[in-house]
Amino acid sequence: MKNIKSVTVAYFTGTGGTRKAAMYFAESCRNRGLSVEVIQIRAGSKVPAKADMLVLFYAVYAFSSPGPVYPWIASLSDGDGAPAAVISVSGGGEESPNTACRAGALRRLRRKGYSVQYEDMLIMPSNAIAPTAMAISIELLRILPDKVDLIAEHILAGHFRRTKPKFFDRVFSIGGRMEIYGARLFGRHIRVSDSCNGCAWCAIGCPTGNITMNDGRPVFGRKCVLCTRCMYGCPQKSLAPAFFQSFLLKEGFSMSEFEKRLALTPPLSLSELPLSELSKTIAIYLAKEGTVNR
C-alpha cells in the first residue's frame, strides 16, 4: 500500500493467543521496513500516536469484541481517512454464530474517520467451554506465523477484503453484549483458596484493572470481561469461579504449554489429525495456502 510508513498494532488479550498474533503481525511489518507501535488494550493503555495505518486484533467474546475494545476506539483521535483493519481470533473460525463479530468495531472505526479496508479471522485453540484437541492446537500454533504474515502481505499490498455477516449472527452479536453484565457478576464472585500466597500475579496482569490486593488477598471488582487470564494463569491455582464452572476447561489452558509441545512435536498431515474433532472450517483453514503437509 502506497505511503504507508508507520503502523499501529493494537490488541486485547486474555490468555495470550491474540498477543502472539499481534506480535507476529508487528514483526511482519518491521520486516517490510515499516515503523510499528504496539499497544495492548487494557486499563490505562495510552492513545496511540498518529500512524499511517491502524490494525486491531481481538479474540471473539460472545459473538462480538471484548468489552474494553469499544471504549478504546472511542478514545482515538480522528482517523482522517487512514486505512484500518480488524483481525478477530476464535476457536471456531469464520462461521456462525461469529460472522458478525467484527461488525461493531468496524462501525465504530468508520465513525472515527478510518477507512476500514480489511477484515479477517484467525483460528486459535479454544480456551472456554469446549477444548481444542491438543494435536489440532499445536498445528494451529505452528501455522500462525505464516497465516499472520499472509494477512500482513495482503493488507500492505492494499487488498480490500470485507465480509457480509449473516443476519442472525448480527442479532447474536448485538445480544452478546449482554455478556458484559454476566461477566461482571462472574468476576465479582471468583473464589480464592487457601493456597493463595499473595503474589499479586492476578492483579498485575488483569487487563481491566478488576483485581486489587487487600492484606495479601485478591479482591475482585465489577470490571471483569471473562478473559479467564487470572484463573488459568494463577501460579498457585488458587482461583476458581463460584458459578458457571463449565465455562472453564477442566484441563486448564496454557499457551506456554502449547508452545512447549509445539517445540517437541513434528508437523502432522491433515489426515493424521483427529478427524472427529476437526470441523470443516478448521480443516479448510489448516490446509489453505499449503501451510500444513498433505
C-alpha atoms as a PDB file:
ATOM      1  CA  MET A   1       0.000   0.000   0.000  1.00  0.00           C
ATOM      2  CA  LYS A   2       1.446   3.330  -1.049  1.00  0.00           C
ATOM      3  CA  ASN A   3       2.534   5.924   1.519  1.00  0.00           C
ATOM      4  CA  ILE A   4       2.280   3.510   4.467  1.00  0.00           C
ATOM      5  CA  LYS A   5       5.381   4.013   6.589  1.00  0.00           C
ATOM      6  CA  SER A   6       4.009   3.586  10.118  1.00  0.00           C
ATOM      7  CA  VAL A   7       1.516   1.139  11.613  1.00  0.00           C
ATOM      8  CA  THR A   8      -0.232   0.988  14.975  1.00  0.00           C
ATOM      9  CA  VAL A   9      -0.949  -2.592  16.064  1.00  0.00           C
ATOM     10  CA  ALA A  10      -3.462  -2.684  18.933  1.00  0.00           C
ATOM     11  CA  TYR A  11      -4.655  -5.835  20.645  1.00  0.00           C
ATOM     12  CA  PHE A  12      -6.756  -7.078  23.541  1.00  0.00           C
ATOM     13  CA  THR A  13      -5.644 -10.377  25.002  1.00  0.00           C
ATOM     14  CA  GLY A  14      -6.645 -12.571  27.892  1.00  0.00           C
ATOM     15  CA  THR A  15      -4.799 -15.899  27.812  1.00  0.00           C
ATOM     16  CA  GLY A  16      -2.152 -14.832  25.298  1.00  0.00           C
ATOM     17  CA  GLY A  17      -3.199 -16.152  21.889  1.00  0.00           C
ATOM     18  CA  THR A  18      -4.204 -12.793  20.453  1.00  0.00           C
ATOM     19  CA  ARG A  19      -0.994 -11.219  21.718  1.00  0.00           C
ATOM     20  CA  LYS A  20       1.010 -13.809  19.779  1.00  0.00           C
ATOM     21  CA  ALA A  21      -0.891 -12.996  16.596  1.00  0.00           C
ATOM     22  CA  ALA A  22      -0.431  -9.247  17.077  1.00  0.00           C
ATOM     23  CA  MET A  23       3.297  -9.626  17.720  1.00  0.00           C
ATOM     24  CA  TYR A  24       3.739 -11.754  14.609  1.00  0.00           C
ATOM     25  CA  PHE A  25       1.949  -9.061  12.626  1.00  0.00           C
ATOM     26  CA  ALA A  26       4.182  -6.346  14.069  1.00  0.00           C
ATOM     27  CA  GLU A  27       7.237  -8.427  13.156  1.00  0.00           C
ATOM     28  CA  SER A  28       5.956  -8.867   9.594  1.00  0.00           C
ATOM     29  CA  CYS A  29       5.524  -5.101   9.268  1.00  0.00           C
ATOM     30  CA  ARG A  30       9.006  -4.377  10.619  1.00  0.00           C
ATOM     31  CA  ASN A  31      10.480  -6.937   8.203  1.00  0.00           C
ATOM     32  CA  ARG A  32       8.943  -4.848   5.436  1.00  0.00           C
ATOM     33  CA  GLY A  33      10.683  -1.721   6.677  1.00  0.00           C
ATOM     34  CA  LEU A  34       7.744  -0.113   8.494  1.00  0.00           C
ATOM     35  CA  SER A  35       7.731   1.702  11.818  1.00  0.00           C
ATOM     36  CA  VAL A  36       5.438  -0.103  14.271  1.00  0.00           C
ATOM     37  CA  GLU A  37       3.858   0.905  17.575  1.00  0.00           C
ATOM     38  CA  VAL A  38       2.287  -1.982  19.518  1.00  0.00           C
ATOM     39  CA  ILE A  39      -0.360  -1.189  22.127  1.00  0.00           C
ATOM     40  CA  GLN A  40      -2.109  -3.592  24.456  1.00  0.00           C
ATOM     41  CA  ILE A  41      -5.684  -2.510  25.094  1.00  0.00           C
ATOM     42  CA  ARG A  42      -6.040  -2.615  28.863  1.00  0.00           C
ATOM     43  CA  ALA A  43      -6.863  -0.381  31.805  1.00  0.00           C
ATOM     44  CA  GLY A  44      -4.819   2.793  31.452  1.00  0.00           C
ATOM     45  CA  SER A  45      -3.477   1.991  27.977  1.00  0.00           C
ATOM     46  CA  LYS A  46      -2.367   5.047  26.086  1.00  0.00           C
ATOM     47  CA  VAL A  47      -3.912   6.532  22.981  1.00  0.00           C
ATOM     48  CA  PRO A  48      -1.557   5.758  20.087  1.00  0.00           C
ATOM     49  CA  ALA A  49       0.381   8.377  18.193  1.00  0.00           C
ATOM     50  CA  LYS A  50      -0.883   9.137  14.714  1.00  0.00           C
ATOM     51  CA  ALA A  51       0.119   6.402  12.284  1.00  0.00           C
ATOM     52  CA  ASP A  52      -0.488   5.767   8.598  1.00  0.00           C
ATOM     53  CA  MET A  53      -2.494   2.618   9.402  1.00  0.00           C
ATOM     54  CA  LEU A  54      -4.302   1.021  12.353  1.00  0.00           C
ATOM     55  CA  VAL A  55      -4.639  -2.758  12.727  1.00  0.00           C
ATOM     56  CA  LEU A  56      -6.792  -4.060  15.574  1.00  0.00           C
ATOM     57  CA  PHE A  57      -6.641  -7.616  16.969  1.00  0.00           C
ATOM     58  CA  TYR A  58      -9.006  -9.178  19.488  1.00  0.00           C
ATOM     59  CA  ALA A  59     -10.466 -12.535  20.476  1.00  0.00           C
ATOM     60  CA  VAL A  60     -14.183 -13.077  19.912  1.00  0.00           C
ATOM     61  CA  TYR A  61     -16.212 -12.624  23.100  1.00  0.00           C
ATOM     62  CA  ALA A  62     -19.929 -13.536  22.957  1.00  0.00           C
ATOM     63  CA  PHE A  63     -20.050 -13.222  19.141  1.00  0.00           C
ATOM     64  CA  SER A  64     -18.508  -9.728  19.331  1.00  0.00           C
ATOM     65  CA  SER A  65     -15.459  -7.883  20.662  1.00  0.00           C
ATOM     66  CA  PRO A  66     -14.238  -7.814  24.288  1.00  0.00           C
ATOM     67  CA  GLY A  67     -15.795  -5.040  26.374  1.00  0.00           C
ATOM     68  CA  PRO A  68     -12.694  -2.767  26.514  1.00  0.00           C
ATOM     69  CA  VAL A  69     -12.349  -2.551  22.720  1.00  0.00           C
ATOM     70  CA  TYR A  70     -15.217  -0.117  22.066  1.00  0.00           C
ATOM     71  CA  PRO A  71     -14.149   2.433  24.719  1.00  0.00           C
ATOM     72  CA  TRP A  72     -10.597   2.266  23.366  1.00  0.00           C
ATOM     73  CA  ILE A  73     -11.813   3.024  19.848  1.00  0.00           C
ATOM     74  CA  ALA A  74     -13.860   5.899  21.264  1.00  0.00           C
ATOM     75  CA  SER A  75     -10.685   7.330  22.806  1.00  0.00           C
ATOM     76  CA  LEU A  76      -8.927   7.559  19.432  1.00  0.00           C
ATOM     77  CA  SER A  77      -8.459  10.874  17.700  1.00  0.00           C
ATOM     78  CA  ASP A  78      -9.969  11.342  14.251  1.00  0.00           C
ATOM     79  CA  GLY A  79      -8.576   8.900  11.723  1.00  0.00           C
ATOM     80  CA  ASP A  80      -8.632  11.428   8.859  1.00  0.00           C
ATOM     81  CA  GLY A  81      -9.285   8.658   6.353  1.00  0.00           C
ATOM     82  CA  ALA A  82      -6.345   6.469   7.407  1.00  0.00           C
ATOM     83  CA  PRO A  83      -6.724   2.798   6.464  1.00  0.00           C
ATOM     84  CA  ALA A  84      -7.652   0.329   9.196  1.00  0.00           C
ATOM     85  CA  ALA A  85      -8.064  -3.426   9.530  1.00  0.00           C
ATOM     86  CA  VAL A  86      -9.705  -5.661  12.137  1.00  0.00           C
ATOM     87  CA  ILE A  87      -8.489  -9.201  12.760  1.00  0.00           C
ATOM     88  CA  SER A  88     -10.551 -11.378  15.089  1.00  0.00           C
ATOM     89  CA  VAL A  89      -9.399 -14.586  16.762  1.00  0.00           C
ATOM     90  CA  SER A  90     -11.603 -17.529  17.696  1.00  0.00           C
ATOM     91  CA  GLY A  91     -11.551 -21.252  18.325  1.00  0.00           C
ATOM     92  CA  GLY A  92     -14.156 -21.986  15.665  1.00  0.00           C
ATOM     93  CA  GLY A  93     -13.227 -19.699  12.813  1.00  0.00           C
ATOM     94  CA  GLU A  94     -15.301 -17.731  10.339  1.00  0.00           C
ATOM     95  CA  GLU A  95     -18.632 -19.488  10.777  1.00  0.00           C
ATOM     96  CA  SER A  96     -21.930 -18.932  12.578  1.00  0.00           C
ATOM     97  CA  PRO A  97     -22.541 -17.521  15.075  1.00  0.00           C
ATOM     98  CA  ASN A  98     -19.340 -15.452  14.739  1.00  0.00           C
ATOM     99  CA  THR A  99     -19.655 -13.952  11.260  1.00  0.00           C
ATOM    100  CA  ALA A 100     -20.693 -10.573  12.734  1.00  0.00           C
ATOM    101  CA  CYS A 101     -18.045 -10.483  15.458  1.00  0.00           C
ATOM    102  CA  ARG A 102     -16.225  -7.559  13.841  1.00  0.00           C
ATOM    103  CA  ALA A 103     -19.256  -5.525  12.783  1.00  0.00           C
ATOM    104  CA  GLY A 104     -19.402  -3.295  15.875  1.00  0.00           C
ATOM    105  CA  ALA A 105     -15.680  -2.495  15.826  1.00  0.00           C
ATOM    106  CA  LEU A 106     -15.749  -1.783  12.098  1.00  0.00           C
ATOM    107  CA  ARG A 107     -18.708   0.550  12.510  1.00  0.00           C
ATOM    108  CA  ARG A 108     -17.034   2.476  15.320  1.00  0.00           C
ATOM    109  CA  LEU A 109     -13.772   2.810  13.408  1.00  0.00           C
ATOM    110  CA  ARG A 110     -15.670   4.264  10.446  1.00  0.00           C
ATOM    111  CA  ARG A 111     -17.342   6.768  12.771  1.00  0.00           C
ATOM    112  CA  LYS A 112     -13.882   7.750  13.953  1.00  0.00           C
ATOM    113  CA  GLY A 113     -12.919   8.586  10.416  1.00  0.00           C
ATOM    114  CA  TYR A 114     -10.958   5.462   9.487  1.00  0.00           C
ATOM    115  CA  SER A 115     -11.233   3.805   6.101  1.00  0.00           C
ATOM    116  CA  VAL A 116     -11.750   0.156   7.022  1.00  0.00           C
ATOM    117  CA  GLN A 117     -10.358  -1.856   4.150  1.00  0.00           C
ATOM    118  CA  TYR A 118      -9.673  -5.299   5.521  1.00  0.00           C
ATOM    119  CA  GLU A 119     -11.041  -7.828   7.993  1.00  0.00           C
ATOM    120  CA  ASP A 120     -10.178 -11.462   8.645  1.00  0.00           C
ATOM    121  CA  MET A 121     -10.319 -14.274  11.196  1.00  0.00           C
ATOM    122  CA  LEU A 122      -7.523 -16.314  12.759  1.00  0.00           C
ATOM    123  CA  ILE A 123      -8.212 -19.644  14.460  1.00  0.00           C
ATOM    124  CA  MET A 124      -6.506 -20.428  17.753  1.00  0.00           C
ATOM    125  CA  PRO A 125      -7.047 -23.094  20.442  1.00  0.00           C
ATOM    126  CA  SER A 126     -10.293 -22.610  22.357  1.00  0.00           C
ATOM    127  CA  ASN A 127      -9.936 -21.513  25.988  1.00  0.00           C
ATOM    128  CA  ALA A 128     -13.547 -21.896  27.118  1.00  0.00           C
ATOM    129  CA  ILE A 129     -16.414 -24.429  27.283  1.00  0.00           C
ATOM    130  CA  ALA A 130     -15.050 -26.946  24.734  1.00  0.00           C
ATOM    131  CA  PRO A 131     -11.295 -27.595  24.348  1.00  0.00           C
ATOM    132  CA  THR A 132      -9.478 -27.933  21.054  1.00  0.00           C
ATOM    133  CA  ALA A 133      -7.709 -31.273  20.688  1.00  0.00           C
ATOM    134  CA  MET A 134      -4.010 -30.955  21.546  1.00  0.00           C
ATOM    135  CA  ALA A 135      -2.815 -32.124  18.119  1.00  0.00           C
ATOM    136  CA  ILE A 136      -5.040 -29.559  16.400  1.00  0.00           C
ATOM    137  CA  SER A 137      -3.969 -26.835  18.837  1.00  0.00           C
ATOM    138  CA  ILE A 138      -0.319 -27.486  18.048  1.00  0.00           C
ATOM    139  CA  GLU A 139      -0.902 -27.296  14.298  1.00  0.00           C
ATOM    140  CA  LEU A 140      -2.885 -24.078  14.664  1.00  0.00           C
ATOM    141  CA  LEU A 141       0.058 -22.536  16.510  1.00  0.00           C
ATOM    142  CA  ARG A 142       2.527 -23.960  14.005  1.00  0.00           C
ATOM    143  CA  ILE A 143       0.918 -22.201  11.053  1.00  0.00           C
ATOM    144  CA  LEU A 144       0.077 -18.969  12.904  1.00  0.00           C
ATOM    145  CA  PRO A 145       3.198 -17.044  11.781  1.00  0.00           C
ATOM    146  CA  ASP A 146       2.533 -17.897   8.133  1.00  0.00           C
ATOM    147  CA  LYS A 147      -1.154 -17.029   8.406  1.00  0.00           C
ATOM    148  CA  VAL A 148      -0.370 -13.675  10.006  1.00  0.00           C
ATOM    149  CA  ASP A 149       2.383 -12.891   7.510  1.00  0.00           C
ATOM    150  CA  LEU A 150      -0.025 -13.592   4.654  1.00  0.00           C
ATOM    151  CA  ILE A 151      -2.579 -11.215   6.186  1.00  0.00           C
ATOM    152  CA  ALA A 152       0.130  -8.568   6.563  1.00  0.00           C
ATOM    153  CA  GLU A 153       1.117  -9.055   2.924  1.00  0.00           C
ATOM    154  CA  HIS A 154      -2.485  -8.595   1.779  1.00  0.00           C
ATOM    155  CA  ILE A 155      -3.133  -5.546   3.945  1.00  0.00           C
ATOM    156  CA  LEU A 156       0.074  -3.763   2.997  1.00  0.00           C
ATOM    157  CA  ALA A 157      -0.456  -4.559  -0.679  1.00  0.00           C
ATOM    158  CA  GLY A 158      -3.781  -2.717  -0.496  1.00  0.00           C
ATOM    159  CA  HIS A 159      -6.094  -5.719  -0.843  1.00  0.00           C
ATOM    160  CA  PHE A 160      -9.697  -4.888   0.016  1.00  0.00           C
ATOM    161  CA  ARG A 161     -11.484  -7.580   1.996  1.00  0.00           C
ATOM    162  CA  ARG A 162     -14.829  -7.116   3.698  1.00  0.00           C
ATOM    163  CA  THR A 163     -17.240  -9.883   4.629  1.00  0.00           C
ATOM    164  CA  LYS A 164     -21.022  -9.954   4.786  1.00  0.00           C
ATOM    165  CA  PRO A 165     -22.249 -11.184   8.190  1.00  0.00           C
ATOM    166  CA  LYS A 166     -25.299 -13.396   8.336  1.00  0.00           C
ATOM    167  CA  PHE A 167     -28.459 -11.709   9.583  1.00  0.00           C
ATOM    168  CA  PHE A 168     -28.996 -13.861  12.655  1.00  0.00           C
ATOM    169  CA  ASP A 169     -25.320 -13.552  13.552  1.00  0.00           C
ATOM    170  CA  ARG A 170     -25.811  -9.784  13.673  1.00  0.00           C
ATOM    171  CA  VAL A 171     -28.598 -10.382  16.176  1.00  0.00           C
ATOM    172  CA  PHE A 172     -26.361 -12.698  18.208  1.00  0.00           C
ATOM    173  CA  SER A 173     -23.587 -10.112  18.138  1.00  0.00           C
ATOM    174  CA  ILE A 174     -25.867  -7.381  19.469  1.00  0.00           C
ATOM    175  CA  GLY A 175     -27.414  -9.687  22.069  1.00  0.00           C
ATOM    176  CA  GLY A 176     -23.988 -10.917  23.081  1.00  0.00           C
ATOM    177  CA  ARG A 177     -23.225  -7.508  24.563  1.00  0.00           C
ATOM    178  CA  MET A 178     -25.403  -8.613  27.471  1.00  0.00           C
ATOM    179  CA  GLU A 179     -22.473 -10.838  28.462  1.00  0.00           C
ATOM    180  CA  ILE A 180     -20.886  -7.679  29.869  1.00  0.00           C
ATOM    181  CA  TYR A 181     -23.272  -7.808  32.818  1.00  0.00           C
ATOM    182  CA  GLY A 182     -22.873 -11.534  33.317  1.00  0.00           C
ATOM    183  CA  ALA A 183     -19.088 -11.174  33.214  1.00  0.00           C
ATOM    184  CA  ARG A 184     -19.177  -8.529  35.925  1.00  0.00           C
ATOM    185  CA  LEU A 185     -21.184 -10.838  38.165  1.00  0.00           C
ATOM    186  CA  PHE A 186     -18.977 -13.813  37.318  1.00  0.00           C
ATOM    187  CA  GLY A 187     -15.781 -11.909  38.072  1.00  0.00           C
ATOM    188  CA  ARG A 188     -17.112 -10.353  41.255  1.00  0.00           C
ATOM    189  CA  HIS A 189     -17.526 -13.799  42.802  1.00  0.00           C
ATOM    190  CA  ILE A 190     -14.295 -15.560  41.876  1.00  0.00           C
ATOM    191  CA  ARG A 191     -13.230 -17.710  44.811  1.00  0.00           C
ATOM    192  CA  VAL A 192      -9.767 -17.564  46.361  1.00  0.00           C
ATOM    193  CA  SER A 193      -8.488 -20.745  48.027  1.00  0.00           C
ATOM    194  CA  ASP A 194      -6.112 -21.025  50.973  1.00  0.00           C
ATOM    195  CA  SER A 195      -3.263 -21.865  48.575  1.00  0.00           C
ATOM    196  CA  CYS A 196      -3.080 -18.175  47.562  1.00  0.00           C
ATOM    197  CA  ASN A 197       0.292 -16.757  48.652  1.00  0.00           C
ATOM    198  CA  GLY A 198      -0.473 -13.124  47.845  1.00  0.00           C
ATOM    199  CA  CYS A 199       1.941 -12.899  44.902  1.00  0.00           C
ATOM    200  CA  ALA A 200      -0.398 -10.420  43.121  1.00  0.00           C
ATOM    201  CA  TRP A 201       0.199 -12.083  39.736  1.00  0.00           C
ATOM    202  CA  CYS A 202      -3.521 -11.822  39.002  1.00  0.00           C
ATOM    203  CA  ALA A 203      -3.791  -8.140  39.954  1.00  0.00           C
ATOM    204  CA  ILE A 204      -0.716  -7.127  37.961  1.00  0.00           C
ATOM    205  CA  GLY A 205      -1.845  -8.931  34.821  1.00  0.00           C
ATOM    206  CA  CYS A 206      -5.590  -8.177  34.831  1.00  0.00           C
ATOM    207  CA  PRO A 207      -6.223  -6.231  31.602  1.00  0.00           C
ATOM    208  CA  THR A 208      -9.214  -4.354  33.004  1.00  0.00           C
ATOM    209  CA  GLY A 209      -7.810  -3.495  36.431  1.00  0.00           C
ATOM    210  CA  ASN A 210     -10.550  -5.553  38.062  1.00  0.00           C
ATOM    211  CA  ILE A 211      -8.300  -7.081  40.734  1.00  0.00           C
ATOM    212  CA  THR A 212      -6.739  -5.292  43.688  1.00  0.00           C
ATOM    213  CA  MET A 213      -4.835  -6.657  46.670  1.00  0.00           C
ATOM    214  CA  ASN A 214      -6.026  -6.255  50.250  1.00  0.00           C
ATOM    215  CA  ASP A 215      -3.964  -7.741  53.096  1.00  0.00           C
ATOM    216  CA  GLY A 216      -2.275 -10.077  50.633  1.00  0.00           C
ATOM    217  CA  ARG A 217      -5.512 -11.376  49.117  1.00  0.00           C
ATOM    218  CA  PRO A 218      -7.005 -10.525  45.722  1.00  0.00           C
ATOM    219  CA  VAL A 219     -10.262  -8.586  45.733  1.00  0.00           C
ATOM    220  CA  PHE A 220     -12.452  -8.635  42.629  1.00  0.00           C
ATOM    221  CA  GLY A 221     -14.477  -5.683  41.386  1.00  0.00           C
ATOM    222  CA  ARG A 222     -17.086  -5.268  38.654  1.00  0.00           C
ATOM    223  CA  LYS A 223     -14.858  -4.800  35.597  1.00  0.00           C
ATOM    224  CA  CYS A 224     -14.372  -8.469  34.674  1.00  0.00           C
ATOM    225  CA  VAL A 225     -14.808  -9.329  30.980  1.00  0.00           C
ATOM    226  CA  LEU A 226     -14.327 -13.117  31.292  1.00  0.00           C
ATOM    227  CA  CYS A 227     -10.870 -13.144  29.752  1.00  0.00           C
ATOM    228  CA  THR A 228     -10.022 -16.036  32.169  1.00  0.00           C
ATOM    229  CA  ARG A 229      -6.377 -14.962  32.454  1.00  0.00           C
ATOM    230  CA  CYS A 230      -6.345 -14.899  36.254  1.00  0.00           C
ATOM    231  CA  MET A 231      -7.919 -18.313  36.775  1.00  0.00           C
ATOM    232  CA  TYR A 232      -5.876 -20.180  34.171  1.00  0.00           C
ATOM    233  CA  GLY A 233      -2.634 -18.385  34.902  1.00  0.00           C
ATOM    234  CA  CYS A 234      -2.555 -18.214  38.709  1.00  0.00           C
ATOM    235  CA  PRO A 235       0.812 -19.756  39.717  1.00  0.00           C
ATOM    236  CA  GLN A 236      -0.791 -21.366  42.771  1.00  0.00           C
ATOM    237  CA  LYS A 237      -4.015 -22.432  41.012  1.00  0.00           C
ATOM    238  CA  SER A 238      -5.869 -20.585  43.764  1.00  0.00           C
ATOM    239  CA  LEU A 239      -8.708 -19.015  41.761  1.00  0.00           C
ATOM    240  CA  ALA A 240     -11.962 -20.634  40.668  1.00  0.00           C
ATOM    241  CA  PRO A 241     -15.417 -19.421  39.646  1.00  0.00           C
ATOM    242  CA  ALA A 242     -18.236 -19.516  42.167  1.00  0.00           C
ATOM    243  CA  PHE A 243     -20.693 -20.498  39.438  1.00  0.00           C
ATOM    244  CA  PHE A 244     -20.785 -21.419  35.742  1.00  0.00           C
ATOM    245  CA  GLN A 245     -17.778 -23.657  36.357  1.00  0.00           C
ATOM    246  CA  SER A 246     -18.355 -25.362  32.992  1.00  0.00           C
ATOM    247  CA  PHE A 247     -17.176 -22.189  31.249  1.00  0.00           C
ATOM    248  CA  LEU A 248     -13.573 -23.058  32.131  1.00  0.00           C
ATOM    249  CA  LEU A 249     -11.767 -26.040  30.642  1.00  0.00           C
ATOM    250  CA  LYS A 250     -11.245 -28.793  33.217  1.00  0.00           C
ATOM    251  CA  GLU A 251      -7.718 -29.431  31.945  1.00  0.00           C
ATOM    252  CA  GLY A 252      -6.864 -25.743  32.109  1.00  0.00           C
ATOM    253  CA  PHE A 253      -5.371 -23.598  29.372  1.00  0.00           C
ATOM    254  CA  SER A 254      -1.724 -22.623  28.999  1.00  0.00           C
ATOM    255  CA  MET A 255      -0.221 -21.001  25.927  1.00  0.00           C
ATOM    256  CA  SER A 256       3.271 -21.775  27.234  1.00  0.00           C
ATOM    257  CA  GLU A 257       2.347 -25.466  27.455  1.00  0.00           C
ATOM    258  CA  PHE A 258       1.196 -25.423  23.819  1.00  0.00           C
ATOM    259  CA  GLU A 259       4.493 -23.810  22.842  1.00  0.00           C
ATOM    260  CA  LYS A 260       6.481 -26.498  24.672  1.00  0.00           C
ATOM    261  CA  ARG A 261       4.512 -29.231  22.905  1.00  0.00           C
ATOM    262  CA  LEU A 262       4.983 -27.461  19.571  1.00  0.00           C
ATOM    263  CA  ALA A 263       8.762 -27.450  20.002  1.00  0.00           C
ATOM    264  CA  LEU A 264       8.755 -31.211  20.619  1.00  0.00           C
ATOM    265  CA  THR A 265       6.180 -32.315  18.042  1.00  0.00           C
ATOM    266  CA  PRO A 266       6.907 -32.838  14.329  1.00  0.00           C
ATOM    267  CA  PRO A 267       4.368 -31.449  11.832  1.00  0.00           C
ATOM    268  CA  LEU A 268       1.312 -33.607  11.243  1.00  0.00           C
ATOM    269  CA  SER A 269      -0.547 -34.038   7.992  1.00  0.00           C
ATOM    270  CA  LEU A 270      -4.220 -33.216   7.843  1.00  0.00           C
ATOM    271  CA  SER A 271      -5.084 -36.926   7.722  1.00  0.00           C
ATOM    272  CA  GLU A 272      -3.139 -37.548  10.946  1.00  0.00           C
ATOM    273  CA  LEU A 273      -5.226 -35.116  12.985  1.00  0.00           C
ATOM    274  CA  PRO A 274      -8.274 -36.372  14.974  1.00  0.00           C
ATOM    275  CA  LEU A 275     -10.911 -36.104  12.255  1.00  0.00           C
ATOM    276  CA  SER A 276     -13.809 -36.493  14.699  1.00  0.00           C
ATOM    277  CA  GLU A 277     -12.788 -33.183  16.305  1.00  0.00           C
ATOM    278  CA  LEU A 278     -11.808 -31.378  13.125  1.00  0.00           C
ATOM    279  CA  SER A 279     -14.616 -29.181  11.800  1.00  0.00           C
ATOM    280  CA  LYS A 280     -14.800 -28.407   8.092  1.00  0.00           C
ATOM    281  CA  THR A 281     -13.947 -24.756   8.788  1.00  0.00           C
ATOM    282  CA  ILE A 282     -10.798 -25.630  10.728  1.00  0.00           C
ATOM    283  CA  ALA A 283      -9.775 -28.270   8.174  1.00  0.00           C
ATOM    284  CA  ILE A 284     -10.004 -25.731   5.357  1.00  0.00           C
ATOM    285  CA  TYR A 285      -8.102 -23.194   7.441  1.00  0.00           C
ATOM    286  CA  LEU A 286      -5.298 -25.662   8.148  1.00  0.00           C
ATOM    287  CA  ALA A 287      -4.994 -26.782   4.539  1.00  0.00           C
ATOM    288  CA  LYS A 288      -5.235 -23.342   2.891  1.00  0.00           C
ATOM    289  CA  GLU A 289      -2.092 -21.901   1.328  1.00  0.00           C
ATOM    290  CA  GLY A 290      -0.253 -25.179   1.852  1.00  0.00           C
ATOM    291  CA  THR A 291       0.557 -24.385   5.458  1.00  0.00           C
ATOM    292  CA  VAL A 292       0.001 -28.000   6.559  1.00  0.00           C
ATOM    293  CA  ASN A 293       1.541 -31.002   4.825  1.00  0.00           C
ATOM    294  CA  ARG A 294      -0.980 -33.078   2.939  1.00  0.00           C
END
